[in-house]
Protein backbone atom coordinates (compact mmCIF):
# COMPACT_ATOMS: atom_id res chain seq x y z
CA UNK A 1 -0.15 -0.26 -0.04
CA UNK A 2 3.08 2.27 1.03
CA UNK A 3 4.39 1.46 -2.06
CA UNK A 4 1.34 2.63 -4.54
CA UNK A 5 1.20 5.69 -2.73
CA UNK A 6 4.27 6.51 -3.22
CA UNK A 7 4.15 6.01 -6.93
CA UNK A 8 0.97 7.99 -7.10
CA UNK A 9 2.62 10.81 -5.52
CA UNK A 10 5.34 10.97 -7.89
CA UNK A 11 3.20 10.44 -10.92
CA UNK A 12 1.21 13.90 -9.64
CA UNK A 13 4.74 15.66 -8.62
CA UNK A 14 5.61 14.63 -12.63
CA UNK A 15 2.50 15.64 -14.09
CA UNK A 16 3.14 19.00 -12.09
CA UNK A 17 6.72 19.80 -13.24
CA UNK A 18 5.67 18.75 -16.83
CA UNK A 19 2.75 21.29 -16.72
CA UNK A 20 5.06 23.78 -15.07
CA UNK A 21 7.12 23.51 -18.07
CA UNK A 22 4.79 23.76 -20.30
CA UNK A 23 3.51 26.68 -19.11
CA UNK A 24 6.82 28.18 -19.12
CA UNK A 25 7.88 27.36 -22.65
CA UNK A 26 4.67 28.92 -23.58
CA UNK A 27 5.11 31.56 -22.12
CA UNK A 28 9.11 32.18 -23.57
CA UNK A 29 7.42 30.98 -26.74
CA UNK A 30 4.81 34.09 -26.84
CA UNK A 31 7.42 36.47 -25.67
CA UNK A 32 9.39 35.44 -28.67
CA UNK A 33 7.01 35.85 -31.05
CA UNK A 34 6.10 39.14 -30.17
CA UNK A 35 9.98 40.12 -30.24
CA UNK A 36 9.64 38.89 -33.84
CA UNK A 37 7.03 40.64 -34.15
CA UNK A 38 8.27 43.84 -32.67
CA UNK A 39 10.88 43.31 -34.87
CA UNK A 40 9.54 43.35 -37.69
CA UNK A 41 7.71 46.21 -37.42
CA UNK A 42 10.84 48.09 -36.42
CA UNK A 43 12.10 46.72 -39.43
CA UNK A 44 9.19 48.23 -41.90
CA UNK A 45 9.36 51.51 -40.02
CA UNK A 46 13.31 52.34 -40.96
CA UNK A 47 14.68 54.81 -39.04
CA UNK A 48 10.98 56.15 -37.95
CA UNK A 49 7.73 57.33 -38.93
CA UNK A 50 9.22 61.11 -38.73
CA UNK A 51 12.04 60.65 -41.06
CA UNK A 52 9.43 58.78 -43.42
CA UNK A 53 7.39 61.58 -43.75
CA UNK A 54 10.45 63.89 -44.90
CA UNK A 55 11.55 61.91 -47.21
CA UNK A 56 8.23 61.89 -49.56
CA UNK A 57 8.23 65.63 -48.63
CA UNK A 58 11.34 65.32 -50.71
CA UNK A 59 9.75 63.34 -53.60
CA UNK A 60 11.05 60.33 -52.49
CA UNK A 61 9.69 56.46 -51.75
CA UNK A 62 11.48 54.53 -48.96
CA UNK A 63 13.55 51.85 -49.86
CA UNK A 64 10.92 48.98 -49.29
CA UNK A 65 8.34 50.96 -51.91
CA UNK A 66 10.20 51.13 -53.99
CA UNK A 67 11.01 47.29 -53.93
CA UNK A 68 7.22 46.49 -53.78
CA UNK A 69 6.72 48.78 -57.09
CA UNK A 70 9.53 47.11 -58.82
CA UNK A 71 9.05 43.50 -57.93
CA UNK A 72 5.82 41.74 -58.81
CA UNK A 73 3.14 41.38 -56.47
CA UNK A 74 3.81 39.40 -53.36
CA UNK A 75 7.41 38.14 -54.78
CA UNK A 76 9.85 39.91 -52.40
CA UNK A 77 11.51 37.51 -50.39
CA UNK A 78 13.57 39.52 -47.72
CA UNK A 79 16.77 38.06 -46.31
CA UNK A 80 18.48 39.83 -42.79
CA UNK A 81 15.99 41.29 -41.72
CA UNK A 82 17.08 41.48 -38.15
CA UNK A 83 20.58 41.90 -38.81
CA UNK A 84 21.51 45.00 -36.73
CA UNK A 85 25.49 46.92 -36.75
CA UNK A 86 27.98 45.76 -34.66
CA UNK A 87 29.66 49.05 -34.39
CA UNK A 88 29.72 50.28 -30.56
CA UNK A 89 31.74 53.55 -30.96
CA UNK A 90 30.29 56.73 -30.42
CA UNK A 91 26.84 55.73 -28.69
CA UNK A 92 26.34 53.80 -31.95
CA UNK A 93 25.19 50.60 -28.95
CA UNK A 94 22.53 52.41 -28.59
CA UNK A 95 21.39 53.11 -31.97
CA UNK A 96 20.67 50.14 -33.28
CA UNK A 97 17.91 49.22 -36.27
CA UNK A 98 16.72 45.80 -37.79
CA UNK A 99 18.22 45.41 -40.94
CA UNK A 100 20.27 48.05 -40.71
CA UNK A 101 20.47 50.73 -43.28
CA UNK A 102 20.13 48.68 -46.78
CA UNK A 103 17.02 45.71 -47.54
CA UNK A 104 17.95 43.18 -49.80
CA UNK A 105 16.47 39.70 -50.98
CA UNK A 106 14.98 38.35 -54.47
CA UNK A 107 12.12 38.85 -56.29
CA UNK A 108 10.55 38.28 -59.72
CA UNK A 109 10.25 41.09 -62.08
CA UNK A 110 7.99 39.98 -65.33
CA UNK A 111 7.78 36.47 -63.82
CA UNK A 112 11.77 36.16 -63.62
CA UNK A 113 13.80 35.61 -60.43
CA UNK A 114 16.14 38.36 -59.81
CA UNK A 115 17.89 39.69 -56.45
CA UNK A 116 18.02 43.04 -55.50
CA UNK A 117 19.11 45.52 -52.68
CA UNK A 118 17.70 48.97 -51.64
CA UNK A 119 19.61 51.33 -49.35
CA UNK A 120 17.20 52.60 -46.86
CA UNK A 121 18.28 56.90 -46.29
CA UNK A 122 16.10 56.39 -43.12
CA UNK A 123 18.42 54.64 -41.41
CA UNK A 124 21.89 56.07 -40.88
CA UNK A 125 21.20 58.27 -43.93
CA UNK A 126 21.43 54.83 -45.99
CA UNK A 127 25.65 55.09 -45.01
CA UNK A 128 27.71 51.82 -45.61
CA UNK A 129 28.28 49.40 -42.58
CA UNK A 130 30.16 45.95 -42.53
CA UNK A 131 27.22 44.08 -41.73
CA UNK A 132 25.41 46.38 -44.60
CA UNK A 133 27.86 45.69 -46.87
CA UNK A 134 27.37 42.09 -46.17
CA UNK A 135 23.93 41.85 -47.07
CA UNK A 136 24.62 42.97 -50.40
CA UNK A 137 27.47 40.69 -51.11
CA UNK A 138 25.36 37.06 -49.71
CA UNK A 139 22.44 38.28 -52.79
CA UNK A 140 25.50 39.00 -55.24
CA UNK A 141 26.57 35.46 -54.21
CA UNK A 142 23.73 33.80 -54.72
CA UNK A 143 22.75 35.91 -57.52
CA UNK A 144 25.43 34.30 -59.44
CA UNK A 145 25.64 30.85 -58.43
CA UNK A 146 22.08 30.45 -59.65
CA UNK A 147 22.22 32.80 -62.66
CA UNK A 148 20.20 35.65 -61.81
CA UNK A 149 20.68 39.39 -62.67
CA UNK A 150 21.75 41.86 -59.79
CA UNK A 151 19.89 45.16 -59.29
CA UNK A 152 20.61 47.68 -56.68
CA UNK A 153 18.48 51.13 -55.71
CA UNK A 154 21.40 52.99 -54.17
CA UNK A 155 20.39 56.30 -51.82
CA UNK A 156 23.57 56.34 -49.50
CA UNK A 157 25.06 59.60 -47.79
CA UNK A 158 28.21 56.93 -48.36
CA UNK A 159 30.70 55.28 -45.98
CA UNK A 160 29.60 54.81 -41.95
CA UNK A 161 31.98 57.38 -40.65
CA UNK A 162 32.08 55.59 -37.11
CA UNK A 163 33.08 52.38 -38.57
CA UNK A 164 35.74 53.71 -39.81
CA UNK A 165 38.13 51.04 -41.85
CA UNK A 166 35.24 48.45 -41.45
CA UNK A 167 33.14 50.28 -43.98
CA UNK A 168 35.73 50.48 -46.47
CA UNK A 169 36.39 47.63 -46.34
CA UNK A 170 32.62 46.82 -47.65
CA UNK A 171 33.13 48.91 -50.11
CA UNK A 172 36.36 46.74 -51.63
CA UNK A 173 34.29 43.19 -51.01
CA UNK A 174 30.83 45.01 -52.79
CA UNK A 175 33.32 45.87 -55.35
CA UNK A 176 34.71 42.76 -55.52
CA UNK A 177 31.67 41.01 -56.67
CA UNK A 178 30.91 43.53 -58.98
CA UNK A 179 34.33 42.09 -60.76
CA UNK A 180 33.41 38.43 -60.12
CA UNK A 181 29.84 39.22 -61.54
CA UNK A 182 30.59 41.06 -64.50
CA UNK A 183 30.14 39.26 -67.50
CA UNK A 184 28.77 36.47 -66.14
CA UNK A 185 24.53 37.86 -64.72
CA UNK A 186 23.43 41.84 -65.59
CA UNK A 187 24.20 43.98 -62.86
CA UNK A 188 22.04 47.06 -63.00
CA UNK A 189 22.45 50.44 -60.28
CA UNK A 190 19.12 52.74 -60.38
CA UNK A 191 20.61 55.46 -58.27
CA UNK A 192 17.66 57.06 -55.91
CA UNK A 193 19.64 60.00 -53.79
CA UNK A 194 22.95 60.70 -53.31
CA UNK A 195 25.66 58.59 -54.08
CA UNK A 196 29.65 60.22 -52.90
CA UNK A 197 32.92 58.96 -52.34
CA UNK A 198 33.71 55.24 -52.02
CA UNK A 199 30.18 54.47 -53.25
CA UNK A 200 30.12 55.87 -56.73
CA UNK A 201 32.65 52.84 -58.59
CA UNK A 202 30.26 50.33 -57.18
CA UNK A 203 27.32 51.73 -59.74
CA UNK A 204 30.21 52.47 -62.56
CA UNK A 205 31.32 48.63 -62.99
CA UNK A 206 27.58 47.44 -62.93
CA UNK A 207 26.49 47.12 -66.88
CA UNK A 208 23.92 49.93 -66.71
CA UNK A 209 23.26 53.25 -64.32
CA UNK A 210 20.52 55.19 -64.55
CA UNK A 211 19.50 58.24 -62.21
CA UNK A 212 16.39 60.03 -60.63
CA UNK A 213 16.43 63.46 -61.91
CA UNK A 214 16.90 66.51 -59.19
CA UNK A 215 16.83 63.73 -56.30
CA UNK A 216 20.26 61.97 -57.52
CA UNK A 217 23.58 62.61 -57.68
CA UNK A 218 27.40 61.09 -57.94
CA UNK A 219 30.62 62.43 -57.14
CA UNK A 220 33.51 61.60 -55.65
CA UNK A 221 34.06 64.57 -53.59
CA UNK A 222 31.30 66.78 -52.83
CA UNK A 223 30.67 70.45 -53.01
CA UNK A 224 32.22 71.27 -49.29
CA UNK A 225 35.54 69.14 -50.19
CA UNK A 226 35.50 70.90 -53.42
CA UNK A 227 34.87 74.47 -52.00
CA UNK A 228 37.39 74.27 -49.63
CA UNK A 229 40.01 73.53 -52.28
CA UNK A 230 38.99 74.63 -55.17
CA UNK A 231 37.33 77.60 -54.71
CA UNK A 232 34.60 76.87 -56.54
CA UNK A 233 31.04 76.99 -55.33
CA UNK A 234 28.99 74.43 -56.88
CA UNK A 235 25.95 72.49 -55.66
CA UNK A 236 25.14 68.50 -55.55
CA UNK A 237 23.21 68.70 -58.65
CA UNK A 238 25.55 71.18 -60.93
CA UNK A 239 28.74 68.88 -59.49
CA UNK A 240 26.90 65.19 -60.01
CA UNK A 241 22.92 65.23 -61.13
CA UNK A 242 21.54 63.43 -63.90
CA UNK A 243 22.16 66.02 -66.20
CA UNK A 244 25.62 65.82 -65.51
CA UNK A 245 26.29 62.37 -66.38
CA UNK A 246 23.44 61.74 -69.17
CA UNK A 247 24.62 64.41 -71.12
CA UNK A 248 28.10 65.47 -70.36
CA UNK A 249 30.62 62.24 -68.40
CA UNK A 250 28.80 59.86 -69.45
CA UNK A 251 28.69 58.13 -66.41
CA UNK A 252 25.02 57.06 -66.58
CA UNK A 253 22.90 55.58 -68.61
CA UNK A 254 19.68 57.13 -68.81
CA UNK A 255 17.47 59.35 -66.55
CA UNK A 256 14.21 59.36 -65.07
CA UNK A 257 11.54 62.33 -64.15
CA UNK A 258 10.65 60.86 -60.61
CA UNK A 259 10.71 57.10 -58.54
CA UNK A 260 7.98 55.91 -59.77
CA UNK A 261 8.50 56.11 -63.41
CA UNK A 262 12.25 55.11 -62.90
CA UNK A 263 11.37 52.49 -61.29
CA UNK A 264 8.46 50.75 -63.63
CA UNK A 265 11.24 52.09 -66.51
CA UNK A 266 13.22 49.84 -64.97
CA UNK A 267 11.12 46.77 -65.12
CA UNK A 268 10.50 47.28 -68.54
CA UNK A 269 14.14 47.58 -69.48
CA UNK A 270 14.52 44.39 -67.68
CA UNK A 271 12.53 42.82 -70.00
CA UNK A 272 15.15 42.75 -72.67
CA UNK A 273 17.84 41.59 -70.88
CA UNK A 274 18.81 37.39 -70.26
CA UNK A 275 19.16 35.57 -66.83
CA UNK A 276 22.62 35.38 -67.29
CA UNK A 277 25.32 34.33 -69.61
CA UNK A 278 24.39 30.92 -69.83
CA UNK A 279 21.23 31.86 -70.59
CA UNK A 280 18.92 32.73 -73.72
CA UNK A 281 17.55 35.69 -74.51
CA UNK A 282 14.12 36.84 -73.74
CA UNK A 283 11.53 36.05 -76.73
CA UNK A 284 7.67 37.76 -76.41
CA UNK A 285 4.97 36.59 -78.12
CA UNK A 286 4.87 38.73 -81.61
CA UNK A 287 1.88 40.34 -82.91
CA UNK A 288 4.06 42.24 -85.95
CA UNK A 289 4.18 41.00 -88.57
CA UNK A 290 7.80 39.97 -89.63
CA UNK A 291 7.44 38.69 -93.04
CA UNK A 292 6.13 41.62 -95.02
CA UNK A 293 8.05 44.39 -96.85
CA UNK A 294 8.12 48.00 -95.00
CA UNK A 295 6.98 50.73 -97.53
CA UNK A 296 8.38 53.64 -95.59
CA UNK A 297 11.59 52.56 -95.34
CA UNK A 298 12.00 53.59 -99.57
CA UNK A 299 11.76 57.30 -98.92
CA UNK A 300 13.82 58.29 -95.53
CA UNK A 301 17.35 58.37 -97.12
CA UNK A 302 17.22 61.94 -98.62
CA UNK A 303 18.36 61.69 -102.50
CA UNK A 304 20.98 64.24 -101.56
CA UNK A 305 23.81 62.50 -100.16
CA UNK A 306 24.70 65.32 -97.86
CA UNK A 307 21.38 65.90 -96.74
CA UNK A 308 20.70 64.81 -92.98
CA UNK A 309 17.99 62.67 -91.45
CA UNK A 310 16.93 61.16 -88.62
CA UNK A 311 18.13 57.57 -87.90
CA UNK A 312 15.23 56.33 -85.37
CA UNK A 313 13.16 56.83 -88.05
CA UNK A 314 14.80 53.61 -89.81
CA UNK A 315 15.23 51.90 -86.57
CA UNK A 316 11.72 52.35 -85.56
CA UNK A 317 10.43 50.71 -88.81
CA UNK A 318 13.00 47.97 -88.51
CA UNK A 319 12.28 46.80 -85.45
CA UNK A 320 9.10 44.98 -83.83
CA UNK A 321 5.68 47.13 -82.49
CA UNK A 322 8.09 50.16 -83.09
CA UNK A 323 9.27 49.39 -79.38
CA UNK A 324 13.38 50.31 -78.77
CA UNK A 325 14.70 50.85 -75.52
CA UNK A 326 17.18 53.51 -76.08
CA UNK A 327 20.87 53.81 -73.62
CA UNK A 328 22.46 57.10 -73.67
CA UNK A 329 20.15 59.11 -75.67
CA UNK A 330 21.79 62.06 -74.14
CA UNK A 331 25.45 61.67 -74.70
CA UNK A 332 27.39 61.19 -78.17
CA UNK A 333 23.90 61.74 -79.62
CA UNK A 334 26.09 60.68 -83.32
CA UNK A 335 25.47 57.67 -81.99
CA UNK A 336 22.73 55.38 -80.65
CA UNK A 337 22.68 52.16 -79.36
CA UNK A 338 19.75 50.82 -77.43
CA UNK A 339 17.76 47.60 -77.26
CA UNK A 340 14.70 46.01 -79.62
CA UNK A 341 12.91 43.11 -80.38
CA UNK A 342 13.20 41.04 -83.56
CA UNK A 343 10.04 38.81 -84.35
CA UNK A 344 10.19 38.71 -80.64
CA UNK A 345 13.99 38.02 -80.09
CA UNK A 346 16.14 40.66 -77.93
CA UNK A 347 18.43 42.44 -80.23
CA UNK A 348 21.32 45.27 -78.87
CA UNK A 349 21.05 48.09 -82.02
CA UNK A 350 24.01 50.23 -83.00
CA UNK A 351 23.72 52.90 -85.61
CA UNK A 352 24.97 56.24 -86.68
CA UNK A 353 22.77 59.26 -86.47
CA UNK A 354 23.47 61.19 -89.47
CA UNK A 355 21.83 64.40 -88.11
CA UNK A 356 24.29 65.03 -85.65
CA UNK A 357 27.68 65.27 -86.60
CA UNK A 358 26.59 64.22 -90.05
CA UNK A 359 27.03 60.31 -88.22
CA UNK A 360 30.93 60.63 -87.34
CA UNK A 361 32.65 58.49 -85.02
CA UNK A 362 34.16 60.70 -82.43
CA UNK A 363 35.71 59.90 -78.63
CA UNK A 364 32.58 59.35 -77.24
CA UNK A 365 30.68 57.60 -79.92
CA UNK A 366 32.99 54.98 -80.28
CA UNK A 367 33.28 54.27 -76.69
CA UNK A 368 29.34 54.33 -76.08
CA UNK A 369 29.13 52.18 -78.87
CA UNK A 370 31.86 49.91 -77.66
CA UNK A 371 30.61 49.02 -74.24
CA UNK A 372 27.41 48.40 -75.23
CA UNK A 373 28.75 45.74 -77.92
CA UNK A 374 30.86 44.07 -75.26
CA UNK A 375 27.40 43.90 -73.17
CA UNK A 376 25.64 42.33 -76.33
CA UNK A 377 28.42 39.75 -76.81
CA UNK A 378 29.05 38.81 -73.49
CA UNK A 379 25.70 38.10 -72.93
CA UNK A 380 24.63 35.83 -75.87
CA UNK A 381 22.18 39.08 -77.37
CA UNK A 382 22.60 39.79 -81.05
CA UNK A 383 24.20 42.86 -82.85
CA UNK A 384 22.82 44.59 -86.10
CA UNK A 385 24.60 48.16 -86.88
CA UNK A 386 22.80 50.25 -88.96
CA UNK A 387 25.78 52.31 -90.78
CA UNK A 388 25.54 55.78 -92.51
CA UNK A 389 29.14 57.27 -91.10
CA UNK A 390 31.57 59.60 -93.27
CA UNK A 391 34.57 58.54 -91.13
CA UNK A 392 36.05 59.73 -87.85
CA UNK A 393 35.37 63.67 -86.91
CA UNK A 394 38.88 64.86 -87.74
CA UNK A 395 40.51 67.68 -85.43
CA UNK A 396 42.98 68.67 -82.69
CA UNK A 397 41.00 68.21 -80.06
CA UNK A 398 39.92 64.79 -80.67
CA UNK A 399 43.88 63.58 -81.80
CA UNK A 400 45.05 65.29 -78.44
CA UNK A 401 42.35 63.40 -76.15
CA UNK A 402 43.02 60.19 -77.46
CA UNK A 403 41.18 59.42 -80.45
CA UNK A 404 42.69 56.62 -82.07
CA UNK A 405 43.02 54.50 -78.99
CA UNK A 406 38.93 54.95 -77.86
CA UNK A 407 38.32 54.06 -81.62
CA UNK A 408 40.26 51.38 -81.17
CA UNK A 409 38.00 50.19 -78.28
CA UNK A 410 35.16 49.88 -81.04
CA UNK A 411 36.96 47.84 -83.58
CA UNK A 412 38.44 45.45 -80.77
CA UNK A 413 34.69 45.37 -79.47
CA UNK A 414 33.20 44.28 -82.99
CA UNK A 415 36.23 42.42 -83.91
CA UNK A 416 36.00 39.93 -80.59
CA UNK A 417 32.14 39.53 -80.27
CA UNK A 418 31.11 35.90 -81.50
CA UNK A 419 27.31 36.78 -81.16
CA UNK A 420 25.03 37.00 -84.48
CA UNK A 421 26.62 40.44 -86.34
CA UNK A 422 23.93 41.87 -89.01
CA UNK A 423 24.81 45.02 -90.68
CA UNK A 424 23.06 47.57 -92.89
CA UNK A 425 24.73 50.52 -94.96
CA UNK A 426 22.54 52.72 -95.35
CA UNK A 427 24.66 55.73 -96.89
CA UNK A 428 28.24 56.23 -96.56
CA UNK A 429 30.63 53.90 -95.38
CA UNK A 430 34.52 55.60 -95.73
CA UNK A 431 37.72 54.89 -94.74
CA UNK A 432 38.47 53.65 -91.31
CA UNK A 433 34.81 54.09 -90.02
CA UNK A 434 33.80 51.42 -92.79
CA UNK A 435 35.49 48.56 -90.89
CA UNK A 436 35.17 49.76 -87.56
CA UNK A 437 31.27 49.70 -88.06
CA UNK A 438 30.51 45.66 -87.87
CA UNK A 439 32.96 45.01 -91.30
CA UNK A 440 32.59 41.98 -92.78
CA UNK A 441 36.27 42.02 -92.38
CA UNK A 442 35.44 41.63 -88.63
CA UNK A 443 33.02 38.61 -88.88
CA UNK A 444 29.99 40.02 -89.55
CA UNK A 445 27.42 37.57 -90.54
CA UNK A 446 25.35 39.21 -93.23
CA UNK A 447 26.29 42.55 -94.72
CA UNK A 448 23.71 44.31 -96.63
CA UNK A 449 23.91 47.69 -98.33
CA UNK A 450 21.18 49.41 -99.35
CA UNK A 451 21.22 51.17 -102.95
CA UNK A 452 21.97 54.63 -101.81
CA UNK A 453 25.03 53.09 -100.35
CA UNK A 454 28.54 54.88 -100.64
CA UNK A 455 31.08 52.37 -99.53
CA UNK A 456 34.57 53.92 -100.21
CA UNK A 457 38.15 55.46 -98.72
CA UNK A 458 36.36 58.78 -98.52
CA UNK A 459 34.32 61.22 -100.09
CA UNK A 460 34.39 62.03 -103.93
CA UNK A 461 35.23 65.43 -102.95
CA UNK A 462 38.47 64.40 -100.39
CA UNK A 463 39.06 61.58 -103.19
CA UNK A 464 39.69 63.94 -106.55
CA UNK A 465 41.71 66.65 -104.36
CA UNK A 466 43.98 63.48 -103.39
CA UNK A 467 44.01 61.86 -106.42
CA UNK A 468 43.68 64.62 -108.84
CA UNK A 469 45.36 67.41 -107.38
CA UNK A 470 46.18 70.72 -109.36
CA UNK A 471 43.90 69.69 -112.06
CA UNK A 472 42.18 71.85 -114.03
CA UNK A 473 38.33 69.35 -114.73
CA UNK A 474 38.35 68.21 -111.16
CA UNK A 475 34.47 68.96 -111.18
CA UNK A 476 34.43 65.97 -113.99
CA UNK A 477 37.11 63.94 -112.55
CA UNK A 478 34.75 64.20 -109.51
CA UNK A 479 32.07 62.68 -111.17
CA UNK A 480 34.20 59.70 -112.46
CA UNK A 481 35.58 59.07 -109.07
CA UNK A 482 32.02 58.73 -107.82
CA UNK A 483 30.83 56.64 -110.65
CA UNK A 484 33.65 54.11 -109.37
CA UNK A 485 33.44 53.91 -106.30
CA UNK A 486 30.46 55.76 -104.79
CA UNK A 487 28.50 52.77 -105.15
CA UNK A 488 27.36 49.79 -103.13
CA UNK A 489 28.74 47.72 -106.14
CA UNK A 490 32.75 47.40 -105.42
CA UNK A 491 32.14 45.98 -102.28
CA UNK A 492 29.26 43.59 -103.69
CA UNK A 493 31.60 42.57 -106.56
CA UNK A 494 34.21 41.80 -103.89
CA UNK A 495 32.46 39.67 -101.66
CA UNK A 496 32.48 42.29 -98.65
CA UNK A 497 28.05 42.86 -98.86
CA UNK A 498 26.23 39.91 -98.99
CA UNK A 499 23.85 41.58 -101.22
CA UNK A 500 22.10 45.07 -102.21
CA UNK A 501 18.68 45.29 -101.16
CA UNK A 502 15.53 47.31 -101.74
CA UNK A 503 15.38 49.08 -97.89
CA UNK A 504 11.57 48.18 -97.42
CA UNK A 505 13.46 44.56 -97.45
CA UNK A 506 14.81 45.15 -94.86
CA UNK A 507 13.24 43.85 -91.27
CA UNK A 508 12.12 40.80 -92.59
CA UNK A 509 15.40 39.89 -94.40
CA UNK A 510 16.72 40.84 -90.73
CA UNK A 511 14.20 38.49 -89.05
CA UNK A 512 15.30 35.91 -91.47
CA UNK A 513 18.87 35.73 -90.91
CA UNK A 514 18.62 36.06 -87.04
CA UNK A 515 16.78 33.09 -87.51
CA UNK A 516 19.30 31.23 -89.11
CA UNK A 517 21.98 32.02 -86.51
CA UNK A 518 20.42 31.60 -83.99
CA UNK A 519 22.30 28.24 -83.74
CA UNK A 520 25.84 30.01 -85.15
CA UNK A 521 28.43 28.66 -82.78
CA UNK A 522 32.11 30.77 -82.67
CA UNK A 523 34.59 30.64 -80.16
CA UNK A 524 37.50 32.85 -79.52
CA UNK A 525 41.54 31.51 -78.83
CA UNK A 526 41.59 30.32 -75.46
CA UNK A 527 43.12 32.89 -73.37
CA UNK A 528 42.59 34.72 -70.00
CA UNK A 529 41.04 37.22 -71.33
CA UNK A 530 42.36 40.06 -74.17
CA UNK A 531 43.76 43.45 -73.52
CA UNK A 532 41.80 45.73 -74.49
CA UNK A 533 42.59 49.59 -75.73
CA UNK A 534 41.94 52.10 -73.15
């Protein structure tokens, strides 16, 4: 009996212990859940509602609002929401925010995955700390491993001064990732606020840099430093605003009016890009017929060979649905580059612009086109080149500033490219500029000429003055030169032009050739990398 009573007592005691432990565990779990909820709410409010309100008053969206607008609905998955900085100096141990000053993760745009980071200017001005950098590096590593683009929404005051060299090390880590990802996955930077000091080099390494007008700026040293060193008074916008970088420096590729337009246009832009260097280019269903003549092409090139015309009219007439996303439209306007689709397939288009400087190649135009060609080649995007170029722009300024080495960049880019290369000479193709413009001699796959094409060493007037110097009947001799060389026939007779075509047939011919060349395989000799002219 005593044993039975003792056993019953032990059972009751055990139940009480289990019950007490259960209550304590449940209480701890509830407390943990409440803490998680609290931290999530803190992360969502960033630096606080008053800072968010200030941000909105400037016409800017918050870091998370930008991501939610950019990504497909309910597709964003955030990483490292609970990460906090580790700095304890200058009272920083008492100022911590979940997620620190950047939001990172992955999402979908048009149903395709990408990785994204958005700097939060409401937390320490979006300044970069060591954990901020680690968060960015983490998504870049994953982007490389899975083969998906990286998009950075930059809005930062630069390195976090309180962290000293740790912050600088963080920038270096990001730069290293940018370089490793280059040519592997597309990298796009959208500057949506200040971007100063060391922070500017990451966007400069990425493939494309876009800006928001009036609210974004890029510079290495700010107005205050410049004022103290050189006594120059300049505002942030005058120093590194969107107008400066899209029109003068060429640092940025395009600008947009506000945050909303920028993010919506960026969504459109992403639709042209492949996921990685191993992915096929995206193909969209095309309702625009690709097997019909386009009669308007017969009337665009003027009969007078020196008269200007707008090459954009030619581009819009041959691409799907007149949809052309131009890159750097305000910089080196004598050269046009951008993305379009032909029969639904993404292509890169490079074209001289006869209405600006007669379409001459100069330093800025050559650099602009060369970088675009190299991007397209890295990501297997076919190239279509529309040629109307009278040569390289002459002048002391051009020669002294390196026209030779900069022009060589474009030649190098075309010669190195292994993607399908289609070329149409619409009018002039003179001298070295002809060779540089995706000629047959640089492994062009299909090269067409319109009847208005002139393929020659130089223009008839200049040629006649050299060949028939001091001759009295120079005008007649000039006509003789025109008959012999100022036409597409000499090049066609030697096989340097595959065919002389009617302009109205250009669209369907290019679509047909792109289909044929879709399986093209060409490899350059094995090497670590080439030594491109700089």
